[in-house]
Amino acid sequence: VLDLVGAVVQHSSINTPGGNDPSA
C-alpha cells in the first residue's frame, strides 16, 4: 500500500502458488 508521496505504508509477500490454476 503506497501513499501519495510514494512511501510504502504496508508490505507483504508470498511465494507465488505453484500449479497451473490461475483462479486459485
PDBML (XML) file of the C-alpha atoms, coordinates in Angstrom:
<?xml version="1.0" encoding="UTF-8" ?>
<PDBx:datablock datablockName="MODEL"
   xmlns:PDBx="http://pdbml.pdb.org/schema/pdbx-v50.xsd"
   xmlns:xsi="http://www.w3.org/2001/XMLSchema-instance"
   xsi:schemaLocation="http://pdbml.pdb.org/schema/pdbx-v50.xsd pdbx-v50.xsd">
   <PDBx:atom_siteCategory>
      <PDBx:atom_site id="1">
         <PDBx:B_iso_or_equiv>0.00</PDBx:B_iso_or_equiv>
         <PDBx:Cartn_x>0.000</PDBx:Cartn_x>
         <PDBx:Cartn_y>0.000</PDBx:Cartn_y>
         <PDBx:Cartn_z>0.000</PDBx:Cartn_z>
         <PDBx:auth_asym_id>A</PDBx:auth_asym_id>
         <PDBx:auth_atom_id>CA</PDBx:auth_atom_id>
         <PDBx:auth_comp_id>VAL</PDBx:auth_comp_id>
         <PDBx:auth_seq_id>1</PDBx:auth_seq_id>
         <PDBx:group_PDB>ATOM</PDBx:group_PDB>
         <PDBx:label_alt_id xsi:nil="true" />
         <PDBx:label_asym_id>A</PDBx:label_asym_id>
         <PDBx:label_atom_id>CA</PDBx:label_atom_id>
         <PDBx:label_comp_id>VAL</PDBx:label_comp_id>
         <PDBx:label_entity_id>1</PDBx:label_entity_id>
         <PDBx:label_seq_id>1</PDBx:label_seq_id>
         <PDBx:occupancy>1.00</PDBx:occupancy>
         <PDBx:pdbx_PDB_model_num>1</PDBx:pdbx_PDB_model_num>
         <PDBx:type_symbol>C</PDBx:type_symbol>
      </PDBx:atom_site>
      <PDBx:atom_site id="2">
         <PDBx:B_iso_or_equiv>0.00</PDBx:B_iso_or_equiv>
         <PDBx:Cartn_x>1.544</PDBx:Cartn_x>
         <PDBx:Cartn_y>3.281</PDBx:Cartn_y>
         <PDBx:Cartn_z>-1.130</PDBx:Cartn_z>
         <PDBx:auth_asym_id>A</PDBx:auth_asym_id>
         <PDBx:auth_atom_id>CA</PDBx:auth_atom_id>
         <PDBx:auth_comp_id>LEU</PDBx:auth_comp_id>
         <PDBx:auth_seq_id>2</PDBx:auth_seq_id>
         <PDBx:group_PDB>ATOM</PDBx:group_PDB>
         <PDBx:label_alt_id xsi:nil="true" />
         <PDBx:label_asym_id>A</PDBx:label_asym_id>
         <PDBx:label_atom_id>CA</PDBx:label_atom_id>
         <PDBx:label_comp_id>LEU</PDBx:label_comp_id>
         <PDBx:label_entity_id>1</PDBx:label_entity_id>
         <PDBx:label_seq_id>2</PDBx:label_seq_id>
         <PDBx:occupancy>1.00</PDBx:occupancy>
         <PDBx:pdbx_PDB_model_num>1</PDBx:pdbx_PDB_model_num>
         <PDBx:type_symbol>C</PDBx:type_symbol>
      </PDBx:atom_site>
      <PDBx:atom_site id="3">
         <PDBx:B_iso_or_equiv>0.00</PDBx:B_iso_or_equiv>
         <PDBx:Cartn_x>0.757</PDBx:Cartn_x>
         <PDBx:Cartn_y>6.817</PDBx:Cartn_y>
         <PDBx:Cartn_z>-0.018</PDBx:Cartn_z>
         <PDBx:auth_asym_id>A</PDBx:auth_asym_id>
         <PDBx:auth_atom_id>CA</PDBx:auth_atom_id>
         <PDBx:auth_comp_id>ASP</PDBx:auth_comp_id>
         <PDBx:auth_seq_id>3</PDBx:auth_seq_id>
         <PDBx:group_PDB>ATOM</PDBx:group_PDB>
         <PDBx:label_alt_id xsi:nil="true" />
         <PDBx:label_asym_id>A</PDBx:label_asym_id>
         <PDBx:label_atom_id>CA</PDBx:label_atom_id>
         <PDBx:label_comp_id>ASP</PDBx:label_comp_id>
         <PDBx:label_entity_id>1</PDBx:label_entity_id>
         <PDBx:label_seq_id>3</PDBx:label_seq_id>
         <PDBx:occupancy>1.00</PDBx:occupancy>
         <PDBx:pdbx_PDB_model_num>1</PDBx:pdbx_PDB_model_num>
         <PDBx:type_symbol>C</PDBx:type_symbol>
      </PDBx:atom_site>
      <PDBx:atom_site id="4">
         <PDBx:B_iso_or_equiv>0.00</PDBx:B_iso_or_equiv>
         <PDBx:Cartn_x>0.672</PDBx:Cartn_x>
         <PDBx:Cartn_y>9.864</PDBx:Cartn_y>
         <PDBx:Cartn_z>-2.273</PDBx:Cartn_z>
         <PDBx:auth_asym_id>A</PDBx:auth_asym_id>
         <PDBx:auth_atom_id>CA</PDBx:auth_atom_id>
         <PDBx:auth_comp_id>LEU</PDBx:auth_comp_id>
         <PDBx:auth_seq_id>4</PDBx:auth_seq_id>
         <PDBx:group_PDB>ATOM</PDBx:group_PDB>
         <PDBx:label_alt_id xsi:nil="true" />
         <PDBx:label_asym_id>A</PDBx:label_asym_id>
         <PDBx:label_atom_id>CA</PDBx:label_atom_id>
         <PDBx:label_comp_id>LEU</PDBx:label_comp_id>
         <PDBx:label_entity_id>1</PDBx:label_entity_id>
         <PDBx:label_seq_id>4</PDBx:label_seq_id>
         <PDBx:occupancy>1.00</PDBx:occupancy>
         <PDBx:pdbx_PDB_model_num>1</PDBx:pdbx_PDB_model_num>
         <PDBx:type_symbol>C</PDBx:type_symbol>
      </PDBx:atom_site>
      <PDBx:atom_site id="5">
         <PDBx:B_iso_or_equiv>0.00</PDBx:B_iso_or_equiv>
         <PDBx:Cartn_x>4.393</PDBx:Cartn_x>
         <PDBx:Cartn_y>10.637</PDBx:Cartn_y>
         <PDBx:Cartn_z>-1.947</PDBx:Cartn_z>
         <PDBx:auth_asym_id>A</PDBx:auth_asym_id>
         <PDBx:auth_atom_id>CA</PDBx:auth_atom_id>
         <PDBx:auth_comp_id>VAL</PDBx:auth_comp_id>
         <PDBx:auth_seq_id>5</PDBx:auth_seq_id>
         <PDBx:group_PDB>ATOM</PDBx:group_PDB>
         <PDBx:label_alt_id xsi:nil="true" />
         <PDBx:label_asym_id>A</PDBx:label_asym_id>
         <PDBx:label_atom_id>CA</PDBx:label_atom_id>
         <PDBx:label_comp_id>VAL</PDBx:label_comp_id>
         <PDBx:label_entity_id>1</PDBx:label_entity_id>
         <PDBx:label_seq_id>5</PDBx:label_seq_id>
         <PDBx:occupancy>1.00</PDBx:occupancy>
         <PDBx:pdbx_PDB_model_num>1</PDBx:pdbx_PDB_model_num>
         <PDBx:type_symbol>C</PDBx:type_symbol>
      </PDBx:atom_site>
      <PDBx:atom_site id="6">
         <PDBx:B_iso_or_equiv>0.00</PDBx:B_iso_or_equiv>
         <PDBx:Cartn_x>5.355</PDBx:Cartn_x>
         <PDBx:Cartn_y>7.094</PDBx:Cartn_y>
         <PDBx:Cartn_z>-2.872</PDBx:Cartn_z>
         <PDBx:auth_asym_id>A</PDBx:auth_asym_id>
         <PDBx:auth_atom_id>CA</PDBx:auth_atom_id>
         <PDBx:auth_comp_id>GLY</PDBx:auth_comp_id>
         <PDBx:auth_seq_id>6</PDBx:auth_seq_id>
         <PDBx:group_PDB>ATOM</PDBx:group_PDB>
         <PDBx:label_alt_id xsi:nil="true" />
         <PDBx:label_asym_id>A</PDBx:label_asym_id>
         <PDBx:label_atom_id>CA</PDBx:label_atom_id>
         <PDBx:label_comp_id>GLY</PDBx:label_comp_id>
         <PDBx:label_entity_id>1</PDBx:label_entity_id>
         <PDBx:label_seq_id>6</PDBx:label_seq_id>
         <PDBx:occupancy>1.00</PDBx:occupancy>
         <PDBx:pdbx_PDB_model_num>1</PDBx:pdbx_PDB_model_num>
         <PDBx:type_symbol>C</PDBx:type_symbol>
      </PDBx:atom_site>
      <PDBx:atom_site id="7">
         <PDBx:B_iso_or_equiv>0.00</PDBx:B_iso_or_equiv>
         <PDBx:Cartn_x>6.141</PDBx:Cartn_x>
         <PDBx:Cartn_y>5.808</PDBx:Cartn_y>
         <PDBx:Cartn_z>0.611</PDBx:Cartn_z>
         <PDBx:auth_asym_id>A</PDBx:auth_asym_id>
         <PDBx:auth_atom_id>CA</PDBx:auth_atom_id>
         <PDBx:auth_comp_id>ALA</PDBx:auth_comp_id>
         <PDBx:auth_seq_id>7</PDBx:auth_seq_id>
         <PDBx:group_PDB>ATOM</PDBx:group_PDB>
         <PDBx:label_alt_id xsi:nil="true" />
         <PDBx:label_asym_id>A</PDBx:label_asym_id>
         <PDBx:label_atom_id>CA</PDBx:label_atom_id>
         <PDBx:label_comp_id>ALA</PDBx:label_comp_id>
         <PDBx:label_entity_id>1</PDBx:label_entity_id>
         <PDBx:label_seq_id>7</PDBx:label_seq_id>
         <PDBx:occupancy>1.00</PDBx:occupancy>
         <PDBx:pdbx_PDB_model_num>1</PDBx:pdbx_PDB_model_num>
         <PDBx:type_symbol>C</PDBx:type_symbol>
      </PDBx:atom_site>
      <PDBx:atom_site id="8">
         <PDBx:B_iso_or_equiv>0.00</PDBx:B_iso_or_equiv>
         <PDBx:Cartn_x>5.260</PDBx:Cartn_x>
         <PDBx:Cartn_y>2.218</PDBx:Cartn_y>
         <PDBx:Cartn_z>1.496</PDBx:Cartn_z>
         <PDBx:auth_asym_id>A</PDBx:auth_asym_id>
         <PDBx:auth_atom_id>CA</PDBx:auth_atom_id>
         <PDBx:auth_comp_id>VAL</PDBx:auth_comp_id>
         <PDBx:auth_seq_id>8</PDBx:auth_seq_id>
         <PDBx:group_PDB>ATOM</PDBx:group_PDB>
         <PDBx:label_alt_id xsi:nil="true" />
         <PDBx:label_asym_id>A</PDBx:label_asym_id>
         <PDBx:label_atom_id>CA</PDBx:label_atom_id>
         <PDBx:label_comp_id>VAL</PDBx:label_comp_id>
         <PDBx:label_entity_id>1</PDBx:label_entity_id>
         <PDBx:label_seq_id>8</PDBx:label_seq_id>
         <PDBx:occupancy>1.00</PDBx:occupancy>
         <PDBx:pdbx_PDB_model_num>1</PDBx:pdbx_PDB_model_num>
         <PDBx:type_symbol>C</PDBx:type_symbol>
      </PDBx:atom_site>
      <PDBx:atom_site id="9">
         <PDBx:B_iso_or_equiv>0.00</PDBx:B_iso_or_equiv>
         <PDBx:Cartn_x>2.602</PDBx:Cartn_x>
         <PDBx:Cartn_y>2.139</PDBx:Cartn_y>
         <PDBx:Cartn_z>4.215</PDBx:Cartn_z>
         <PDBx:auth_asym_id>A</PDBx:auth_asym_id>
         <PDBx:auth_atom_id>CA</PDBx:auth_atom_id>
         <PDBx:auth_comp_id>VAL</PDBx:auth_comp_id>
         <PDBx:auth_seq_id>9</PDBx:auth_seq_id>
         <PDBx:group_PDB>ATOM</PDBx:group_PDB>
         <PDBx:label_alt_id xsi:nil="true" />
         <PDBx:label_asym_id>A</PDBx:label_asym_id>
         <PDBx:label_atom_id>CA</PDBx:label_atom_id>
         <PDBx:label_comp_id>VAL</PDBx:label_comp_id>
         <PDBx:label_entity_id>1</PDBx:label_entity_id>
         <PDBx:label_seq_id>9</PDBx:label_seq_id>
         <PDBx:occupancy>1.00</PDBx:occupancy>
         <PDBx:pdbx_PDB_model_num>1</PDBx:pdbx_PDB_model_num>
         <PDBx:type_symbol>C</PDBx:type_symbol>
      </PDBx:atom_site>
      <PDBx:atom_site id="10">
         <PDBx:B_iso_or_equiv>0.00</PDBx:B_iso_or_equiv>
         <PDBx:Cartn_x>2.182</PDBx:Cartn_x>
         <PDBx:Cartn_y>-1.638</PDBx:Cartn_y>
         <PDBx:Cartn_z>4.319</PDBx:Cartn_z>
         <PDBx:auth_asym_id>A</PDBx:auth_asym_id>
         <PDBx:auth_atom_id>CA</PDBx:auth_atom_id>
         <PDBx:auth_comp_id>GLN</PDBx:auth_comp_id>
         <PDBx:auth_seq_id>10</PDBx:auth_seq_id>
         <PDBx:group_PDB>ATOM</PDBx:group_PDB>
         <PDBx:label_alt_id xsi:nil="true" />
         <PDBx:label_asym_id>A</PDBx:label_asym_id>
         <PDBx:label_atom_id>CA</PDBx:label_atom_id>
         <PDBx:label_comp_id>GLN</PDBx:label_comp_id>
         <PDBx:label_entity_id>1</PDBx:label_entity_id>
         <PDBx:label_seq_id>10</PDBx:label_seq_id>
         <PDBx:occupancy>1.00</PDBx:occupancy>
         <PDBx:pdbx_PDB_model_num>1</PDBx:pdbx_PDB_model_num>
         <PDBx:type_symbol>C</PDBx:type_symbol>
      </PDBx:atom_site>
      <PDBx:atom_site id="11">
         <PDBx:B_iso_or_equiv>0.00</PDBx:B_iso_or_equiv>
         <PDBx:Cartn_x>4.024</PDBx:Cartn_x>
         <PDBx:Cartn_y>-4.520</PDBx:Cartn_y>
         <PDBx:Cartn_z>2.698</PDBx:Cartn_z>
         <PDBx:auth_asym_id>A</PDBx:auth_asym_id>
         <PDBx:auth_atom_id>CA</PDBx:auth_atom_id>
         <PDBx:auth_comp_id>HIS</PDBx:auth_comp_id>
         <PDBx:auth_seq_id>11</PDBx:auth_seq_id>
         <PDBx:group_PDB>ATOM</PDBx:group_PDB>
         <PDBx:label_alt_id xsi:nil="true" />
         <PDBx:label_asym_id>A</PDBx:label_asym_id>
         <PDBx:label_atom_id>CA</PDBx:label_atom_id>
         <PDBx:label_comp_id>HIS</PDBx:label_comp_id>
         <PDBx:label_entity_id>1</PDBx:label_entity_id>
         <PDBx:label_seq_id>11</PDBx:label_seq_id>
         <PDBx:occupancy>1.00</PDBx:occupancy>
         <PDBx:pdbx_PDB_model_num>1</PDBx:pdbx_PDB_model_num>
         <PDBx:type_symbol>C</PDBx:type_symbol>
      </PDBx:atom_site>
      <PDBx:atom_site id="12">
         <PDBx:B_iso_or_equiv>0.00</PDBx:B_iso_or_equiv>
         <PDBx:Cartn_x>3.669</PDBx:Cartn_x>
         <PDBx:Cartn_y>-8.274</PDBx:Cartn_y>
         <PDBx:Cartn_z>2.397</PDBx:Cartn_z>
         <PDBx:auth_asym_id>A</PDBx:auth_asym_id>
         <PDBx:auth_atom_id>CA</PDBx:auth_atom_id>
         <PDBx:auth_comp_id>SER</PDBx:auth_comp_id>
         <PDBx:auth_seq_id>12</PDBx:auth_seq_id>
         <PDBx:group_PDB>ATOM</PDBx:group_PDB>
         <PDBx:label_alt_id xsi:nil="true" />
         <PDBx:label_asym_id>A</PDBx:label_asym_id>
         <PDBx:label_atom_id>CA</PDBx:label_atom_id>
         <PDBx:label_comp_id>SER</PDBx:label_comp_id>
         <PDBx:label_entity_id>1</PDBx:label_entity_id>
         <PDBx:label_seq_id>12</PDBx:label_seq_id>
         <PDBx:occupancy>1.00</PDBx:occupancy>
         <PDBx:pdbx_PDB_model_num>1</PDBx:pdbx_PDB_model_num>
         <PDBx:type_symbol>C</PDBx:type_symbol>
      </PDBx:atom_site>
      <PDBx:atom_site id="13">
         <PDBx:B_iso_or_equiv>0.00</PDBx:B_iso_or_equiv>
         <PDBx:Cartn_x>4.861</PDBx:Cartn_x>
         <PDBx:Cartn_y>-11.063</PDBx:Cartn_y>
         <PDBx:Cartn_z>0.130</PDBx:Cartn_z>
         <PDBx:auth_asym_id>A</PDBx:auth_asym_id>
         <PDBx:auth_atom_id>CA</PDBx:auth_atom_id>
         <PDBx:auth_comp_id>SER</PDBx:auth_comp_id>
         <PDBx:auth_seq_id>13</PDBx:auth_seq_id>
         <PDBx:group_PDB>ATOM</PDBx:group_PDB>
         <PDBx:label_alt_id xsi:nil="true" />
         <PDBx:label_asym_id>A</PDBx:label_asym_id>
         <PDBx:label_atom_id>CA</PDBx:label_atom_id>
         <PDBx:label_comp_id>SER</PDBx:label_comp_id>
         <PDBx:label_entity_id>1</PDBx:label_entity_id>
         <PDBx:label_seq_id>13</PDBx:label_seq_id>
         <PDBx:occupancy>1.00</PDBx:occupancy>
         <PDBx:pdbx_PDB_model_num>1</PDBx:pdbx_PDB_model_num>
         <PDBx:type_symbol>C</PDBx:type_symbol>
      </PDBx:atom_site>
      <PDBx:atom_site id="14">
         <PDBx:B_iso_or_equiv>0.00</PDBx:B_iso_or_equiv>
         <PDBx:Cartn_x>4.027</PDBx:Cartn_x>
         <PDBx:Cartn_y>-14.696</PDBx:Cartn_y>
         <PDBx:Cartn_z>-0.509</PDBx:Cartn_z>
         <PDBx:auth_asym_id>A</PDBx:auth_asym_id>
         <PDBx:auth_atom_id>CA</PDBx:auth_atom_id>
         <PDBx:auth_comp_id>ILE</PDBx:auth_comp_id>
         <PDBx:auth_seq_id>14</PDBx:auth_seq_id>
         <PDBx:group_PDB>ATOM</PDBx:group_PDB>
         <PDBx:label_alt_id xsi:nil="true" />
         <PDBx:label_asym_id>A</PDBx:label_asym_id>
         <PDBx:label_atom_id>CA</PDBx:label_atom_id>
         <PDBx:label_comp_id>ILE</PDBx:label_comp_id>
         <PDBx:label_entity_id>1</PDBx:label_entity_id>
         <PDBx:label_seq_id>14</PDBx:label_seq_id>
         <PDBx:occupancy>1.00</PDBx:occupancy>
         <PDBx:pdbx_PDB_model_num>1</PDBx:pdbx_PDB_model_num>
         <PDBx:type_symbol>C</PDBx:type_symbol>
      </PDBx:atom_site>
      <PDBx:atom_site id="15">
         <PDBx:B_iso_or_equiv>0.00</PDBx:B_iso_or_equiv>
         <PDBx:Cartn_x>5.563</PDBx:Cartn_x>
         <PDBx:Cartn_y>-17.442</PDBx:Cartn_y>
         <PDBx:Cartn_z>-2.578</PDBx:Cartn_z>
         <PDBx:auth_asym_id>A</PDBx:auth_asym_id>
         <PDBx:auth_atom_id>CA</PDBx:auth_atom_id>
         <PDBx:auth_comp_id>ASN</PDBx:auth_comp_id>
         <PDBx:auth_seq_id>15</PDBx:auth_seq_id>
         <PDBx:group_PDB>ATOM</PDBx:group_PDB>
         <PDBx:label_alt_id xsi:nil="true" />
         <PDBx:label_asym_id>A</PDBx:label_asym_id>
         <PDBx:label_atom_id>CA</PDBx:label_atom_id>
         <PDBx:label_comp_id>ASN</PDBx:label_comp_id>
         <PDBx:label_entity_id>1</PDBx:label_entity_id>
         <PDBx:label_seq_id>15</PDBx:label_seq_id>
         <PDBx:occupancy>1.00</PDBx:occupancy>
         <PDBx:pdbx_PDB_model_num>1</PDBx:pdbx_PDB_model_num>
         <PDBx:type_symbol>C</PDBx:type_symbol>
      </PDBx:atom_site>
      <PDBx:atom_site id="16">
         <PDBx:B_iso_or_equiv>0.00</PDBx:B_iso_or_equiv>
         <PDBx:Cartn_x>3.638</PDBx:Cartn_x>
         <PDBx:Cartn_y>-17.483</PDBx:Cartn_y>
         <PDBx:Cartn_z>-5.840</PDBx:Cartn_z>
         <PDBx:auth_asym_id>A</PDBx:auth_asym_id>
         <PDBx:auth_atom_id>CA</PDBx:auth_atom_id>
         <PDBx:auth_comp_id>THR</PDBx:auth_comp_id>
         <PDBx:auth_seq_id>16</PDBx:auth_seq_id>
         <PDBx:group_PDB>ATOM</PDBx:group_PDB>
         <PDBx:label_alt_id xsi:nil="true" />
         <PDBx:label_asym_id>A</PDBx:label_asym_id>
         <PDBx:label_atom_id>CA</PDBx:label_atom_id>
         <PDBx:label_comp_id>THR</PDBx:label_comp_id>
         <PDBx:label_entity_id>1</PDBx:label_entity_id>
         <PDBx:label_seq_id>16</PDBx:label_seq_id>
         <PDBx:occupancy>1.00</PDBx:occupancy>
         <PDBx:pdbx_PDB_model_num>1</PDBx:pdbx_PDB_model_num>
         <PDBx:type_symbol>C</PDBx:type_symbol>
      </PDBx:atom_site>
      <PDBx:atom_site id="17">
         <PDBx:B_iso_or_equiv>0.00</PDBx:B_iso_or_equiv>
         <PDBx:Cartn_x>1.409</PDBx:Cartn_x>
         <PDBx:Cartn_y>-20.563</PDBx:Cartn_y>
         <PDBx:Cartn_z>-5.679</PDBx:Cartn_z>
         <PDBx:auth_asym_id>A</PDBx:auth_asym_id>
         <PDBx:auth_atom_id>CA</PDBx:auth_atom_id>
         <PDBx:auth_comp_id>PRO</PDBx:auth_comp_id>
         <PDBx:auth_seq_id>17</PDBx:auth_seq_id>
         <PDBx:group_PDB>ATOM</PDBx:group_PDB>
         <PDBx:label_alt_id xsi:nil="true" />
         <PDBx:label_asym_id>A</PDBx:label_asym_id>
         <PDBx:label_atom_id>CA</PDBx:label_atom_id>
         <PDBx:label_comp_id>PRO</PDBx:label_comp_id>
         <PDBx:label_entity_id>1</PDBx:label_entity_id>
         <PDBx:label_seq_id>17</PDBx:label_seq_id>
         <PDBx:occupancy>1.00</PDBx:occupancy>
         <PDBx:pdbx_PDB_model_num>1</PDBx:pdbx_PDB_model_num>
         <PDBx:type_symbol>C</PDBx:type_symbol>
      </PDBx:atom_site>
      <PDBx:atom_site id="18">
         <PDBx:B_iso_or_equiv>0.00</PDBx:B_iso_or_equiv>
         <PDBx:Cartn_x>2.537</PDBx:Cartn_x>
         <PDBx:Cartn_y>-23.348</PDBx:Cartn_y>
         <PDBx:Cartn_z>-7.973</PDBx:Cartn_z>
         <PDBx:auth_asym_id>A</PDBx:auth_asym_id>
         <PDBx:auth_atom_id>CA</PDBx:auth_atom_id>
         <PDBx:auth_comp_id>GLY</PDBx:auth_comp_id>
         <PDBx:auth_seq_id>18</PDBx:auth_seq_id>
         <PDBx:group_PDB>ATOM</PDBx:group_PDB>
         <PDBx:label_alt_id xsi:nil="true" />
         <PDBx:label_asym_id>A</PDBx:label_asym_id>
         <PDBx:label_atom_id>CA</PDBx:label_atom_id>
         <PDBx:label_comp_id>GLY</PDBx:label_comp_id>
         <PDBx:label_entity_id>1</PDBx:label_entity_id>
         <PDBx:label_seq_id>18</PDBx:label_seq_id>
         <PDBx:occupancy>1.00</PDBx:occupancy>
         <PDBx:pdbx_PDB_model_num>1</PDBx:pdbx_PDB_model_num>
         <PDBx:type_symbol>C</PDBx:type_symbol>
      </PDBx:atom_site>
      <PDBx:atom_site id="19">
         <PDBx:B_iso_or_equiv>0.00</PDBx:B_iso_or_equiv>
         <PDBx:Cartn_x>0.433</PDBx:Cartn_x>
         <PDBx:Cartn_y>-25.328</PDBx:Cartn_y>
         <PDBx:Cartn_z>-10.389</PDBx:Cartn_z>
         <PDBx:auth_asym_id>A</PDBx:auth_asym_id>
         <PDBx:auth_atom_id>CA</PDBx:auth_atom_id>
         <PDBx:auth_comp_id>GLY</PDBx:auth_comp_id>
         <PDBx:auth_seq_id>19</PDBx:auth_seq_id>
         <PDBx:group_PDB>ATOM</PDBx:group_PDB>
         <PDBx:label_alt_id xsi:nil="true" />
         <PDBx:label_asym_id>A</PDBx:label_asym_id>
         <PDBx:label_atom_id>CA</PDBx:label_atom_id>
         <PDBx:label_comp_id>GLY</PDBx:label_comp_id>
         <PDBx:label_entity_id>1</PDBx:label_entity_id>
         <PDBx:label_seq_id>19</PDBx:label_seq_id>
         <PDBx:occupancy>1.00</PDBx:occupancy>
         <PDBx:pdbx_PDB_model_num>1</PDBx:pdbx_PDB_model_num>
         <PDBx:type_symbol>C</PDBx:type_symbol>
      </PDBx:atom_site>
      <PDBx:atom_site id="20">
         <PDBx:B_iso_or_equiv>0.00</PDBx:B_iso_or_equiv>
         <PDBx:Cartn_x>-1.405</PDBx:Cartn_x>
         <PDBx:Cartn_y>-24.010</PDBx:Cartn_y>
         <PDBx:Cartn_z>-13.422</PDBx:Cartn_z>
         <PDBx:auth_asym_id>A</PDBx:auth_asym_id>
         <PDBx:auth_atom_id>CA</PDBx:auth_atom_id>
         <PDBx:auth_comp_id>ASN</PDBx:auth_comp_id>
         <PDBx:auth_seq_id>20</PDBx:auth_seq_id>
         <PDBx:group_PDB>ATOM</PDBx:group_PDB>
         <PDBx:label_alt_id xsi:nil="true" />
         <PDBx:label_asym_id>A</PDBx:label_asym_id>
         <PDBx:label_atom_id>CA</PDBx:label_atom_id>
         <PDBx:label_comp_id>ASN</PDBx:label_comp_id>
         <PDBx:label_entity_id>1</PDBx:label_entity_id>
         <PDBx:label_seq_id>20</PDBx:label_seq_id>
         <PDBx:occupancy>1.00</PDBx:occupancy>
         <PDBx:pdbx_PDB_model_num>1</PDBx:pdbx_PDB_model_num>
         <PDBx:type_symbol>C</PDBx:type_symbol>
      </PDBx:atom_site>
      <PDBx:atom_site id="21">
         <PDBx:B_iso_or_equiv>0.00</PDBx:B_iso_or_equiv>
         <PDBx:Cartn_x>-4.682</PDBx:Cartn_x>
         <PDBx:Cartn_y>-22.830</PDBx:Cartn_y>
         <PDBx:Cartn_z>-11.904</PDBx:Cartn_z>
         <PDBx:auth_asym_id>A</PDBx:auth_asym_id>
         <PDBx:auth_atom_id>CA</PDBx:auth_atom_id>
         <PDBx:auth_comp_id>ASP</PDBx:auth_comp_id>
         <PDBx:auth_seq_id>21</PDBx:auth_seq_id>
         <PDBx:group_PDB>ATOM</PDBx:group_PDB>
         <PDBx:label_alt_id xsi:nil="true" />
         <PDBx:label_asym_id>A</PDBx:label_asym_id>
         <PDBx:label_atom_id>CA</PDBx:label_atom_id>
         <PDBx:label_comp_id>ASP</PDBx:label_comp_id>
         <PDBx:label_entity_id>1</PDBx:label_entity_id>
         <PDBx:label_seq_id>21</PDBx:label_seq_id>
         <PDBx:occupancy>1.00</PDBx:occupancy>
         <PDBx:pdbx_PDB_model_num>1</PDBx:pdbx_PDB_model_num>
         <PDBx:type_symbol>C</PDBx:type_symbol>
      </PDBx:atom_site>
      <PDBx:atom_site id="22">
         <PDBx:B_iso_or_equiv>0.00</PDBx:B_iso_or_equiv>
         <PDBx:Cartn_x>-4.781</PDBx:Cartn_x>
         <PDBx:Cartn_y>-19.016</PDBx:Cartn_y>
         <PDBx:Cartn_z>-12.208</PDBx:Cartn_z>
         <PDBx:auth_asym_id>A</PDBx:auth_asym_id>
         <PDBx:auth_atom_id>CA</PDBx:auth_atom_id>
         <PDBx:auth_comp_id>PRO</PDBx:auth_comp_id>
         <PDBx:auth_seq_id>22</PDBx:auth_seq_id>
         <PDBx:group_PDB>ATOM</PDBx:group_PDB>
         <PDBx:label_alt_id xsi:nil="true" />
         <PDBx:label_asym_id>A</PDBx:label_asym_id>
         <PDBx:label_atom_id>CA</PDBx:label_atom_id>
         <PDBx:label_comp_id>PRO</PDBx:label_comp_id>
         <PDBx:label_entity_id>1</PDBx:label_entity_id>
         <PDBx:label_seq_id>22</PDBx:label_seq_id>
         <PDBx:occupancy>1.00</PDBx:occupancy>
         <PDBx:pdbx_PDB_model_num>1</PDBx:pdbx_PDB_model_num>
         <PDBx:type_symbol>C</PDBx:type_symbol>
      </PDBx:atom_site>
      <PDBx:atom_site id="23">
         <PDBx:B_iso_or_equiv>0.00</PDBx:B_iso_or_equiv>
         <PDBx:Cartn_x>-8.181</PDBx:Cartn_x>
         <PDBx:Cartn_y>-18.792</PDBx:Cartn_y>
         <PDBx:Cartn_z>-10.487</PDBx:Cartn_z>
         <PDBx:auth_asym_id>A</PDBx:auth_asym_id>
         <PDBx:auth_atom_id>CA</PDBx:auth_atom_id>
         <PDBx:auth_comp_id>SER</PDBx:auth_comp_id>
         <PDBx:auth_seq_id>23</PDBx:auth_seq_id>
         <PDBx:group_PDB>ATOM</PDBx:group_PDB>
         <PDBx:label_alt_id xsi:nil="true" />
         <PDBx:label_asym_id>A</PDBx:label_asym_id>
         <PDBx:label_atom_id>CA</PDBx:label_atom_id>
         <PDBx:label_comp_id>SER</PDBx:label_comp_id>
         <PDBx:label_entity_id>1</PDBx:label_entity_id>
         <PDBx:label_seq_id>23</PDBx:label_seq_id>
         <PDBx:occupancy>1.00</PDBx:occupancy>
         <PDBx:pdbx_PDB_model_num>1</PDBx:pdbx_PDB_model_num>
         <PDBx:type_symbol>C</PDBx:type_symbol>
      </PDBx:atom_site>
      <PDBx:atom_site id="24">
         <PDBx:B_iso_or_equiv>0.00</PDBx:B_iso_or_equiv>
         <PDBx:Cartn_x>-6.703</PDBx:Cartn_x>
         <PDBx:Cartn_y>-20.242</PDBx:Cartn_y>
         <PDBx:Cartn_z>-7.294</PDBx:Cartn_z>
         <PDBx:auth_asym_id>A</PDBx:auth_asym_id>
         <PDBx:auth_atom_id>CA</PDBx:auth_atom_id>
         <PDBx:auth_comp_id>ALA</PDBx:auth_comp_id>
         <PDBx:auth_seq_id>24</PDBx:auth_seq_id>
         <PDBx:group_PDB>ATOM</PDBx:group_PDB>
         <PDBx:label_alt_id xsi:nil="true" />
         <PDBx:label_asym_id>A</PDBx:label_asym_id>
         <PDBx:label_atom_id>CA</PDBx:label_atom_id>
         <PDBx:label_comp_id>ALA</PDBx:label_comp_id>
         <PDBx:label_entity_id>1</PDBx:label_entity_id>
         <PDBx:label_seq_id>24</PDBx:label_seq_id>
         <PDBx:occupancy>1.00</PDBx:occupancy>
         <PDBx:pdbx_PDB_model_num>1</PDBx:pdbx_PDB_model_num>
         <PDBx:type_symbol>C</PDBx:type_symbol>
      </PDBx:atom_site>
   </PDBx:atom_siteCategory>
</PDBx:datablock>
